[in-house]
PDB file of N, CA and C in Angstrom:
ATOM      1  N   MET A   1      10.650   3.793  -5.083  1.00  0.00           N
ATOM      2  CA  MET A   1       9.264   3.811  -4.634  1.00  0.00           C
ATOM      3  C   MET A   1       8.313   4.141  -5.780  1.00  0.00           C
ATOM      4  N   SER A   2       8.824   4.745  -6.837  1.00  0.00           N
ATOM      5  CA  SER A   2       8.005   5.089  -7.978  1.00  0.00           C
ATOM      6  C   SER A   2       7.377   3.844  -8.613  1.00  0.00           C
ATOM      7  N   PHE A   3       8.147   2.745  -8.696  1.00  0.00           N
ATOM      8  CA  PHE A   3       7.600   1.501  -9.251  1.00  0.00           C
ATOM      9  C   PHE A   3       6.408   1.039  -8.421  1.00  0.00           C
ATOM     10  N   PHE A   4       6.538   1.076  -7.091  1.00  0.00           N
ATOM     11  CA  PHE A   4       5.430   0.678  -6.229  1.00  0.00           C
ATOM     12  C   PHE A   4       4.199   1.543  -6.518  1.00  0.00           C
ATOM     13  N   ASN A   5       4.397   2.837  -6.675  1.00  0.00           N
ATOM     14  CA  ASN A   5       3.268   3.722  -6.979  1.00  0.00           C
ATOM     15  C   ASN A   5       2.642   3.386  -8.324  1.00  0.00           C
ATOM     16  N   ASP A   6       3.466   3.020  -9.297  1.00  0.00           N
ATOM     17  CA  ASP A   6       2.940   2.587 -10.589  1.00  0.00           C
ATOM     18  C   ASP A   6       2.088   1.330 -10.423  1.00  0.00           C
ATOM     19  N   VAL A   7       2.592   0.393  -9.625  1.00  0.00           N
ATOM     20  CA  VAL A   7       1.838  -0.839  -9.347  1.00  0.00           C
ATOM     21  C   VAL A   7       0.484  -0.489  -8.739  1.00  0.00           C
ATOM     22  N   TYR A   8       0.484   0.359  -7.728  1.00  0.00           N
ATOM     23  CA  TYR A   8      -0.772   0.719  -7.068  1.00  0.00           C
ATOM     24  C   TYR A   8      -1.740   1.381  -8.040  1.00  0.00           C
ATOM     25  N   GLY A   9      -1.228   2.227  -8.933  1.00  0.00           N
ATOM     26  CA  GLY A   9      -2.080   2.880  -9.920  1.00  0.00           C
ATOM     27  C   GLY A   9      -2.741   1.887 -10.856  1.00  0.00           C
ATOM     28  N   ILE A  10      -1.991   0.879 -11.301  1.00  0.00           N
ATOM     29  CA  ILE A  10      -2.553  -0.154 -12.183  1.00  0.00           C
ATOM     30  C   ILE A  10      -3.576  -0.989 -11.422  1.00  0.00           C
ATOM     31  N   VAL A  11      -3.235  -1.426 -10.229  1.00  0.00           N
ATOM     32  CA  VAL A  11      -4.114  -2.311  -9.465  1.00  0.00           C
ATOM     33  C   VAL A  11      -5.425  -1.601  -9.112  1.00  0.00           C
ATOM     34  N   LYS A  12      -5.377  -0.314  -8.847  1.00  0.00           N
ATOM     35  CA  LYS A  12      -6.606   0.444  -8.564  1.00  0.00           C
ATOM     36  C   LYS A  12      -7.589   0.382  -9.725  1.00  0.00           C
ATOM     37  N   ARG A  13      -7.074   0.186 -10.936  1.00  0.00           N
ATOM     38  CA  ARG A  13      -7.927   0.192 -12.128  1.00  0.00           C
ATOM     39  C   ARG A  13      -8.494  -1.181 -12.486  1.00  0.00           C
ATOM     40  N   ILE A  14      -8.110  -2.227 -11.765  1.00  0.00           N
ATOM     41  CA  ILE A  14      -8.664  -3.555 -12.045  1.00  0.00           C
ATOM     42  C   ILE A  14     -10.103  -3.566 -11.547  1.00  0.00           C
ATOM     43  N   PRO A  15     -11.068  -3.770 -12.440  1.00  0.00           N
ATOM     44  CA  PRO A  15     -12.472  -3.709 -12.022  1.00  0.00           C
ATOM     45  C   PRO A  15     -12.910  -4.925 -11.208  1.00  0.00           C
ATOM     46  N   ARG A  16     -13.964  -4.740 -10.454  1.00  0.00           N
ATOM     47  CA  ARG A  16     -14.576  -5.853  -9.716  1.00  0.00           C
ATOM     48  C   ARG A  16     -14.880  -6.983 -10.697  1.00  0.00           C
ATOM     49  N   GLY A  17     -14.664  -8.205 -10.265  1.00  0.00           N
ATOM     50  CA  GLY A  17     -14.955  -9.352 -11.106  1.00  0.00           C
ATOM     51  C   GLY A  17     -13.857  -9.696 -12.091  1.00  0.00           C
ATOM     52  N   LYS A  18     -12.771  -8.945 -12.062  1.00  0.00           N
ATOM     53  CA  LYS A  18     -11.624  -9.210 -12.939  1.00  0.00           C
ATOM     54  C   LYS A  18     -10.380  -9.409 -12.082  1.00  0.00           C
ATOM     55  N   VAL A  19      -9.395 -10.074 -12.647  1.00  0.00           N
ATOM     56  CA  VAL A  19      -8.103 -10.233 -11.988  1.00  0.00           C
ATOM     57  C   VAL A  19      -7.009  -9.948 -13.004  1.00  0.00           C
ATOM     58  N   ALA A  20      -5.819  -9.691 -12.496  1.00  0.00           N
ATOM     59  CA  ALA A  20      -4.622  -9.541 -13.329  1.00  0.00           C
ATOM     60  C   ALA A  20      -3.527 -10.386 -12.702  1.00  0.00           C
ATOM     61  N   SER A  21      -2.629 -10.873 -13.525  1.00  0.00           N
ATOM     62  CA  SER A  21      -1.486 -11.618 -12.991  1.00  0.00           C
ATOM     63  C   SER A  21      -0.402 -10.626 -12.558  1.00  0.00           C
ATOM     64  N   TYR A  22       0.504 -11.113 -11.736  1.00  0.00           N
ATOM     65  CA  TYR A  22       1.637 -10.289 -11.318  1.00  0.00           C
ATOM     66  C   TYR A  22       2.414  -9.819 -12.549  1.00  0.00           C
ATOM     67  N   GLY A  23       2.603 -10.713 -13.517  1.00  0.00           N
ATOM     68  CA  GLY A  23       3.308 -10.372 -14.737  1.00  0.00           C
ATOM     69  C   GLY A  23       2.580  -9.329 -15.564  1.00  0.00           C
ATOM     70  N   TYR A  24       1.258  -9.427 -15.592  1.00  0.00           N
ATOM     71  CA  TYR A  24       0.453  -8.441 -16.323  1.00  0.00           C
ATOM     72  C   TYR A  24       0.679  -7.051 -15.731  1.00  0.00           C
ATOM     73  N   VAL A  25       0.630  -6.969 -14.401  1.00  0.00           N
ATOM     74  CA  VAL A  25       0.818  -5.682 -13.728  1.00  0.00           C
ATOM     75  C   VAL A  25       2.232  -5.160 -13.990  1.00  0.00           C
ATOM     76  N   ALA A  26       3.222  -6.043 -13.900  1.00  0.00           N
ATOM     77  CA  ALA A  26       4.604  -5.632 -14.150  1.00  0.00           C
ATOM     78  C   ALA A  26       4.755  -5.076 -15.567  1.00  0.00           C
ATOM     79  N   THR A  27       4.180  -5.773 -16.534  1.00  0.00           N
ATOM     80  CA  THR A  27       4.256  -5.325 -17.928  1.00  0.00           C
ATOM     81  C   THR A  27       3.546  -3.991 -18.105  1.00  0.00           C
ATOM     82  N   ALA A  28       2.390  -3.838 -17.474  1.00  0.00           N
ATOM     83  CA  ALA A  28       1.646  -2.576 -17.564  1.00  0.00           C
ATOM     84  C   ALA A  28       2.439  -1.418 -16.966  1.00  0.00           C
ATOM     85  N   CYS A  29       3.336  -1.721 -16.039  1.00  0.00           N
ATOM     86  CA  CYS A  29       4.197  -0.702 -15.425  1.00  0.00           C
ATOM     87  C   CYS A  29       5.469  -0.462 -16.240  1.00  0.00           C
ATOM     88  N   GLY A  30       5.614  -1.186 -17.338  1.00  0.00           N
ATOM     89  CA  GLY A  30       6.801  -1.018 -18.170  1.00  0.00           C
ATOM     90  C   GLY A  30       7.997  -1.844 -17.723  1.00  0.00           C
ATOM     91  N   MET A  31       7.765  -2.809 -16.824  1.00  0.00           N
ATOM     92  CA  MET A  31       8.845  -3.644 -16.293  1.00  0.00           C
ATOM     93  C   MET A  31       8.434  -5.112 -16.373  1.00  0.00           C
ATOM     94  N   PRO A  32       8.377  -5.685 -17.582  1.00  0.00           N
ATOM     95  CA  PRO A  32       7.812  -7.020 -17.764  1.00  0.00           C
ATOM     96  C   PRO A  32       8.491  -8.140 -16.979  1.00  0.00           C
ATOM     97  N   ARG A  33       9.688  -7.939 -16.519  1.00  0.00           N
ATOM     98  CA  ARG A  33      10.383  -8.983 -15.770  1.00  0.00           C
ATOM     99  C   ARG A  33      10.323  -8.748 -14.253  1.00  0.00           C
ATOM    100  N   ALA A  34       9.416  -7.901 -13.809  1.00  0.00           N
ATOM    101  CA  ALA A  34       9.372  -7.508 -12.397  1.00  0.00           C
ATOM    102  C   ALA A  34       8.140  -8.040 -11.651  1.00  0.00           C
ATOM    103  N   ALA A  35       7.674  -9.225 -12.034  1.00  0.00           N
ATOM    104  CA  ALA A  35       6.487  -9.781 -11.376  1.00  0.00           C
ATOM    105  C   ALA A  35       6.698  -9.964  -9.871  1.00  0.00           C
ATOM    106  N   ARG A  36       7.866 -10.411  -9.488  1.00  0.00           N
ATOM    107  CA  ARG A  36       8.152 -10.613  -8.056  1.00  0.00           C
ATOM    108  C   ARG A  36       8.087  -9.285  -7.297  1.00  0.00           C
ATOM    109  N   GLN A  37       8.592  -8.225  -7.918  1.00  0.00           N
ATOM    110  CA  GLN A  37       8.555  -6.909  -7.282  1.00  0.00           C
ATOM    111  C   GLN A  37       7.112  -6.407  -7.141  1.00  0.00           C
ATOM    112  N   VAL A  38       6.249  -6.797  -8.074  1.00  0.00           N
ATOM    113  CA  VAL A  38       4.822  -6.465  -7.926  1.00  0.00           C
ATOM    114  C   VAL A  38       4.303  -7.095  -6.642  1.00  0.00           C
ATOM    115  N   GLY A  39       4.667  -8.329  -6.399  1.00  0.00           N
ATOM    116  CA  GLY A  39       4.267  -8.994  -5.158  1.00  0.00           C
ATOM    117  C   GLY A  39       4.747  -8.256  -3.923  1.00  0.00           C
ATOM    118  N   TRP A  40       5.984  -7.789  -3.975  1.00  0.00           N
ATOM    119  CA  TRP A  40       6.521  -7.021  -2.830  1.00  0.00           C
ATOM    120  C   TRP A  40       5.708  -5.748  -2.622  1.00  0.00           C
ATOM    121  N   ALA A  41       5.408  -5.072  -3.729  1.00  0.00           N
ATOM    122  CA  ALA A  41       4.628  -3.832  -3.625  1.00  0.00           C
ATOM    123  C   ALA A  41       3.264  -4.107  -2.993  1.00  0.00           C
ATOM    124  N   LEU A  42       2.620  -5.177  -3.446  1.00  0.00           N
ATOM    125  CA  LEU A  42       1.282  -5.474  -2.930  1.00  0.00           C
ATOM    126  C   LEU A  42       1.339  -5.907  -1.471  1.00  0.00           C
ATOM    127  N   HIS A  43       2.407  -6.568  -1.091  1.00  0.00           N
ATOM    128  CA  HIS A  43       2.551  -6.968   0.311  1.00  0.00           C
ATOM    129  C   HIS A  43       2.723  -5.745   1.213  1.00  0.00           C
ATOM    130  N   SER A  44       3.175  -4.642   0.618  1.00  0.00           N
ATOM    131  CA  SER A  44       3.361  -3.387   1.353  1.00  0.00           C
ATOM    132  C   SER A  44       2.226  -2.399   1.104  1.00  0.00           C
ATOM    133  N   ASN A  45       1.132  -2.872   0.566  1.00  0.00           N
ATOM    134  CA  ASN A  45      -0.010  -2.027   0.195  1.00  0.00           C
ATOM    135  C   ASN A  45      -0.350  -1.027   1.304  1.00  0.00           C
ATOM    136  N   PRO A  46      -0.167   0.266   1.037  1.00  0.00           N
ATOM    137  CA  PRO A  46      -0.414   1.269   2.066  1.00  0.00           C
ATOM    138  C   PRO A  46      -1.888   1.635   2.239  1.00  0.00           C
ATOM    139  N   ASP A  47      -2.737   1.185   1.317  1.00  0.00           N
ATOM    140  CA  ASP A  47      -4.143   1.598   1.339  1.00  0.00           C
ATOM    141  C   ASP A  47      -5.045   0.471   0.826  1.00  0.00           C
ATOM    142  N   PRO A  48      -5.154  -0.621   1.592  1.00  0.00           N
ATOM    143  CA  PRO A  48      -5.915  -1.780   1.114  1.00  0.00           C
ATOM    144  C   PRO A  48      -7.398  -1.496   0.846  1.00  0.00           C
ATOM    145  N   GLN A  49      -7.933  -0.430   1.405  1.00  0.00           N
ATOM    146  CA  GLN A  49      -9.334  -0.076   1.136  1.00  0.00           C
ATOM    147  C   GLN A  49      -9.523   0.403  -0.303  1.00  0.00           C
ATOM    148  N   ASN A  50      -8.476   0.993  -0.882  1.00  0.00           N
ATOM    149  CA  ASN A  50      -8.575   1.571  -2.220  1.00  0.00           C
ATOM    150  C   ASN A  50      -7.668   0.919  -3.257  1.00  0.00           C
ATOM    151  N   ILE A  51      -6.761   0.064  -2.820  1.00  0.00           N
ATOM    152  CA  ILE A  51      -5.880  -0.653  -3.740  1.00  0.00           C
ATOM    153  C   ILE A  51      -6.224  -2.142  -3.589  1.00  0.00           C
ATOM    154  N   PRO A  52      -7.031  -2.670  -4.499  1.00  0.00           N
ATOM    155  CA  PRO A  52      -7.553  -4.037  -4.346  1.00  0.00           C
ATOM    156  C   PRO A  52      -6.540  -5.119  -4.720  1.00  0.00           C
ATOM    157  N   CYS A  53      -5.531  -5.296  -3.882  1.00  0.00           N
ATOM    158  CA  CYS A  53      -4.473  -6.242  -4.204  1.00  0.00           C
ATOM    159  C   CYS A  53      -4.976  -7.675  -4.279  1.00  0.00           C
ATOM    160  N   HIS A  54      -6.156  -7.950  -3.737  1.00  0.00           N
ATOM    161  CA  HIS A  54      -6.702  -9.304  -3.836  1.00  0.00           C
ATOM    162  C   HIS A  54      -7.050  -9.674  -5.278  1.00  0.00           C
ATOM    163  N   ARG A  55      -7.067  -8.701  -6.178  1.00  0.00           N
ATOM    164  CA  ARG A  55      -7.382  -8.956  -7.587  1.00  0.00           C
ATOM    165  C   ARG A  55      -6.149  -9.326  -8.408  1.00  0.00           C
ATOM    166  N   VAL A  56      -5.021  -9.538  -7.752  1.00  0.00           N
ATOM    167  CA  VAL A  56      -3.801  -9.940  -8.451  1.00  0.00           C
ATOM    168  C   VAL A  56      -3.472 -11.377  -8.042  1.00  0.00           C
ATOM    169  N   VAL A  57      -3.311 -12.229  -9.061  1.00  0.00           N
ATOM    170  CA  VAL A  57      -3.067 -13.659  -8.851  1.00  0.00           C
ATOM    171  C   VAL A  57      -1.903 -14.096  -9.747  1.00  0.00           C
ATOM    172  N   THR A  58      -1.509 -15.358  -9.630  1.00  0.00           N
ATOM    173  CA  THR A  58      -0.459 -15.858 -10.514  1.00  0.00           C
ATOM    174  C   THR A  58      -0.999 -15.996 -11.931  1.00  0.00           C
ATOM    175  N   LYS A  59      -0.110 -16.213 -12.897  1.00  0.00           N
ATOM    176  CA  LYS A  59      -0.535 -16.294 -14.291  1.00  0.00           C
ATOM    177  C   LYS A  59      -1.498 -17.442 -14.552  1.00  0.00           C
ATOM    178  N   ASP A  60      -1.478 -18.473 -13.712  1.00  0.00           N
ATOM    179  CA  ASP A  60      -2.411 -19.576 -13.897  1.00  0.00           C
ATOM    180  C   ASP A  60      -3.630 -19.489 -12.974  1.00  0.00           C
ATOM    181  N   GLY A  61      -3.780 -18.358 -12.271  1.00  0.00           N
ATOM    182  CA  GLY A  61      -4.974 -18.121 -11.473  1.00  0.00           C
ATOM    183  C   GLY A  61      -4.893 -18.522 -10.014  1.00  0.00           C
ATOM    184  N   LYS A  62      -3.715 -18.889  -9.551  1.00  0.00           N
ATOM    185  CA  LYS A  62      -3.572 -19.289  -8.154  1.00  0.00           C
ATOM    186  C   LYS A  62      -3.527 -18.054  -7.256  1.00  0.00           C
ATOM    187  N   CYS A  63      -4.214 -18.149  -6.149  1.00  0.00           N
ATOM    188  CA  CYS A  63      -4.185 -17.078  -5.154  1.00  0.00           C
ATOM    189  C   CYS A  63      -2.919 -17.197  -4.320  1.00  0.00           C
ATOM    190  N   SER A  64      -2.571 -16.123  -3.648  1.00  0.00           N
ATOM    191  CA  SER A  64      -1.337 -16.069  -2.875  1.00  0.00           C
ATOM    192  C   SER A  64      -1.504 -16.704  -1.501  1.00  0.00           C
ATOM    193  N   GLU A  65      -0.632 -17.650  -1.201  1.00  0.00           N
ATOM    194  CA  GLU A  65      -0.625 -18.234   0.142  1.00  0.00           C
ATOM    195  C   GLU A  65      -0.204 -17.198   1.169  1.00  0.00           C
ATOM    196  N   ALA A  66       0.526 -16.182   0.715  1.00  0.00           N
ATOM    197  CA  ALA A  66       1.031 -15.141   1.606  1.00  0.00           C
ATOM    198  C   ALA A  66       0.226 -13.856   1.465  1.00  0.00           C
ATOM    199  N   PHE A  67      -1.032 -13.961   1.053  1.00  0.00           N
ATOM    200  CA  PHE A  67      -1.845 -12.755   0.892  1.00  0.00           C
ATOM    201  C   PHE A  67      -1.741 -11.931   2.170  1.00  0.00           C
ATOM    202  N   ALA A  68      -1.316 -10.707   2.021  1.00  0.00           N
ATOM    203  CA  ALA A  68      -0.918  -9.867   3.156  1.00  0.00           C
ATOM    204  C   ALA A  68      -2.052  -9.514   4.107  1.00  0.00           C
ATOM    205  N   PHE A  69      -3.270  -9.626   3.672  1.00  0.00           N
ATOM    206  CA  PHE A  69      -4.366  -9.129   4.501  1.00  0.00           C
ATOM    207  C   PHE A  69      -5.343 -10.231   4.885  1.00  0.00           C
ATOM    208  N   GLY A  70      -4.806 -11.381   5.332  1.00  0.00           N
ATOM    209  CA  GLY A  70      -5.660 -12.428   5.835  1.00  0.00           C
ATOM    210  C   GLY A  70      -5.432 -13.805   5.249  1.00  0.00           C
ATOM    211  N   GLY A  71      -4.466 -13.962   4.394  1.00  0.00           N
ATOM    212  CA  GLY A  71      -4.140 -15.273   3.848  1.00  0.00           C
ATOM    213  C   GLY A  71      -4.938 -15.619   2.601  1.00  0.00           C
ATOM    214  N   GLU A  72      -4.609 -16.781   2.045  1.00  0.00           N
ATOM    215  CA  GLU A  72      -5.193 -17.245   0.790  1.00  0.00           C
ATOM    216  C   GLU A  72      -6.715 -17.346   0.860  1.00  0.00           C
ATOM    217  N   ASN A  73      -7.246 -17.860   1.953  1.00  0.00           N
ATOM    218  CA  ASN A  73      -8.703 -18.006   2.065  1.00  0.00           C
ATOM    219  C   ASN A  73      -9.408 -16.660   2.031  1.00  0.00           C
ATOM    220  N   GLU A  74      -8.799 -15.642   2.613  1.00  0.00           N
ATOM    221  CA  GLU A  74      -9.383 -14.295   2.574  1.00  0.00           C
ATOM    222  C   GLU A  74      -9.379 -13.751   1.149  1.00  0.00           C
ATOM    223  N   GLN A  75      -8.296 -13.977   0.428  1.00  0.00           N
ATOM    224  CA  GLN A  75      -8.229 -13.520  -0.962  1.00  0.00           C
ATOM    225  C   GLN A  75      -9.312 -14.216  -1.794  1.00  0.00           C
ATOM    226  N   ILE A  76      -9.437 -15.514  -1.628  1.00  0.00           N
ATOM    227  CA  ILE A  76     -10.465 -16.263  -2.356  1.00  0.00           C
ATOM    228  C   ILE A  76     -11.847 -15.747  -2.005  1.00  0.00           C
ATOM    229  N   SER A  77     -12.090 -15.526  -0.726  1.00  0.00           N
ATOM    230  CA  SER A  77     -13.391 -15.031  -0.273  1.00  0.00           C
ATOM    231  C   SER A  77     -13.729 -13.684  -0.903  1.00  0.00           C
ATOM    232  N   ARG A  78     -12.753 -12.795  -0.947  1.00  0.00           N
ATOM    233  CA  ARG A  78     -12.988 -11.472  -1.539  1.00  0.00           C
ATOM    234  C   ARG A  78     -13.292 -11.584  -3.039  1.00  0.00           C
ATOM    235  N   LEU A  79     -12.580 -12.450  -3.730  1.00  0.00           N
ATOM    236  CA  LEU A  79     -12.813 -12.620  -5.162  1.00  0.00           C
ATOM    237  C   LEU A  79     -14.181 -13.239  -5.430  1.00  0.00           C
ATOM    238  N   VAL A  80     -14.538 -14.249  -4.670  1.00  0.00           N
ATOM    239  CA  VAL A  80     -15.852 -14.885  -4.828  1.00  0.00           C
ATOM    240  C   VAL A  80     -16.960 -13.866  -4.583  1.00  0.00           C
ATOM    241  N   ALA A  81     -16.788 -13.015  -3.584  1.00  0.00           N
ATOM    242  CA  ALA A  81     -17.788 -11.981  -3.283  1.00  0.00           C
ATOM    243  C   ALA A  81     -17.962 -11.002  -4.447  1.00  0.00           C
ATOM    244  N   GLU A  82     -16.946 -10.900  -5.305  1.00  0.00           N
ATOM    245  CA  GLU A  82     -17.014 -10.022  -6.468  1.00  0.00           C
ATOM    246  C   GLU A  82     -17.478 -10.762  -7.729  1.00  0.00           C
ATOM    247  N   GLY A  83     -17.826 -12.045  -7.573  1.00  0.00           N
ATOM    248  CA  GLY A  83     -18.334 -12.809  -8.710  1.00  0.00           C
ATOM    249  C   GLY A  83     -17.284 -13.549  -9.506  1.00  0.00           C
ATOM    250  N   VAL A  84     -16.080 -13.653  -8.989  1.00  0.00           N
ATOM    251  CA  VAL A  84     -15.021 -14.364  -9.695  1.00  0.00           C
ATOM    252  C   VAL A  84     -15.223 -15.867  -9.511  1.00  0.00           C
ATOM    253  N   ALA A  85     -15.221 -16.595 -10.625  1.00  0.00           N
ATOM    254  CA  ALA A  85     -15.410 -18.045 -10.607  1.00  0.00           C
ATOM    255  C   ALA A  85     -14.062 -18.757 -10.509  1.00  0.00           C
ATOM    256  N   PHE A  86     -14.085 -19.902  -9.857  1.00  0.00           N
ATOM    257  CA  PHE A  86     -12.896 -20.731  -9.696  1.00  0.00           C
ATOM    258  C   PHE A  86     -13.116 -22.080 -10.370  1.00  0.00           C
ATOM    259  N   LYS A  87     -12.026 -22.617 -10.915  1.00  0.00           N
ATOM    260  CA  LYS A  87     -12.019 -23.948 -11.513  1.00  0.00           C
ATOM    261  C   LYS A  87     -10.815 -24.690 -10.958  1.00  0.00           C
ATOM    262  N   ASP A  88     -11.054 -25.845 -10.361  1.00  0.00           N
ATOM    263  CA  ASP A  88      -9.964 -26.643  -9.798  1.00  0.00           C
ATOM    264  C   ASP A  88      -9.107 -25.848  -8.819  1.00  0.00           C
ATOM    265  N   GLY A  89      -9.750 -25.009  -8.008  1.00  0.00           N
ATOM    266  CA  GLY A  89      -9.052 -24.258  -6.970  1.00  0.00           C
ATOM    267  C   GLY A  89      -8.325 -23.009  -7.431  1.00  0.00           C
ATOM    268  N   LYS A  90      -8.486 -22.667  -8.710  1.00  0.00           N
ATOM    269  CA  LYS A  90      -7.821 -21.474  -9.249  1.00  0.00           C
ATOM    270  C   LYS A  90      -8.862 -20.593  -9.931  1.00  0.00           C
ATOM    271  N   VAL A  91      -8.542 -19.304 -10.048  1.00  0.00           N
ATOM    272  CA  VAL A  91      -9.420 -18.380 -10.761  1.00  0.00           C
ATOM    273  C   VAL A  91      -9.574 -18.868 -12.195  1.00  0.00           C
ATOM    274  N   ASP A  92     -10.789 -18.836 -12.702  1.00  0.00           N
ATOM    275  CA  ASP A  92     -11.039 -19.156 -14.106  1.00  0.00           C
ATOM    276  C   ASP A  92     -10.518 -17.978 -14.935  1.00  0.00           C
ATOM    277  N   MET A  93      -9.285 -18.100 -15.367  1.00  0.00           N
ATOM    278  CA  MET A  93      -8.611 -16.995 -16.050  1.00  0.00           C
ATOM    279  C   MET A  93      -9.247 -16.685 -17.404  1.00  0.00           C
ATOM    280  N   GLU A  94      -9.830 -17.669 -18.052  1.00  0.00           N
ATOM    281  CA  GLU A  94     -10.502 -17.398 -19.328  1.00  0.00           C
ATOM    282  C   GLU A  94     -11.635 -16.392 -19.151  1.00  0.00           C
ATOM    283  N   LYS A  95     -12.339 -16.508 -18.045  1.00  0.00           N
ATOM    284  CA  LYS A  95     -13.486 -15.631 -17.791  1.00  0.00           C
ATOM    285  C   LYS A  95     -13.104 -14.314 -17.134  1.00  0.00           C
ATOM    286  N   HIS A  96     -12.086 -14.320 -16.288  1.00  0.00           N
ATOM    287  CA  HIS A  96     -11.874 -13.179 -15.399  1.00  0.00           C
ATOM    288  C   HIS A  96     -10.567 -12.414 -15.571  1.00  0.00           C
ATOM    289  N   ALA A  97      -9.616 -12.931 -16.329  1.00  0.00           N
ATOM    290  CA  ALA A  97      -8.325 -12.241 -16.466  1.00  0.00           C
ATOM    291  C   ALA A  97      -8.452 -11.043 -17.400  1.00  0.00           C
ATOM    292  N   LEU A  98      -7.822  -9.949 -17.011  1.00  0.00           N
ATOM    293  CA  LEU A  98      -7.713  -8.805 -17.905  1.00  0.00           C
ATOM    294  C   LEU A  98      -6.902  -9.239 -19.126  1.00  0.00           C
ATOM    295  N   LYS A  99      -7.240  -8.700 -20.258  1.00  0.00           N
ATOM    296  CA  LYS A  99      -6.522  -8.976 -21.500  1.00  0.00           C
ATOM    297  C   LYS A  99      -5.697  -7.757 -21.879  1.00  0.00           C
ATOM    298  N   ARG A 100      -4.681  -7.963 -22.657  1.00  0.00           N
ATOM    299  CA  ARG A 100      -3.786  -6.873 -23.064  1.00  0.00           C
ATOM    300  C   ARG A 100      -4.547  -5.717 -23.729  1.00  0.00           C
ATOM    301  N   ASN A 101      -5.628  -6.011 -24.408  1.00  0.00           N
ATOM    302  CA  ASN A 101      -6.370  -4.945 -25.088  1.00  0.00           C
ATOM    303  C   ASN A 101      -7.429  -4.282 -24.206  1.00  0.00           C
ATOM    304  N   ASP A 102      -7.402  -4.554 -22.908  1.00  0.00           N
ATOM    305  CA  ASP A 102      -8.350  -3.927 -21.993  1.00  0.00           C
ATOM    306  C   ASP A 102      -7.937  -2.508 -21.599  1.00  0.00           C
ATOM    307  N   GLY A 103      -6.820  -2.039 -22.126  1.00  0.00           N
ATOM    308  CA  GLY A 103      -6.419  -0.648 -21.901  1.00  0.00           C
ATOM    309  C   GLY A 103      -5.554  -0.409 -20.684  1.00  0.00           C
ATOM    310  N   TYR A 104      -4.929  -1.444 -20.170  1.00  0.00           N
ATOM    311  CA  TYR A 104      -4.071  -1.274 -18.990  1.00  0.00           C
ATOM    312  C   TYR A 104      -2.630  -1.446 -19.361  1.00  0.00           C
TER     313      TYR A 104
END
């Protein structure tokens, strides 16, 4: 369960208008090959009001079809409300993805 808590701690720090990939979160937790487990953790999000799991997308900016709190359209809606731009149906990762030097 400690890994899940690490995931939640990282995701809480993703600012509005930014996104991180599952792999980015896994790497930030010290487990670079655990992107799938990040997804499991987010699907079990115990506090969606304070852990913004909608800010985690695939490495190419695709939203989750299995977004745990309302589906892909809900995830897209939440991101758009935060000012996240989309290109060809995916998050514009050049503009909105956290970078390794962002301190996470």
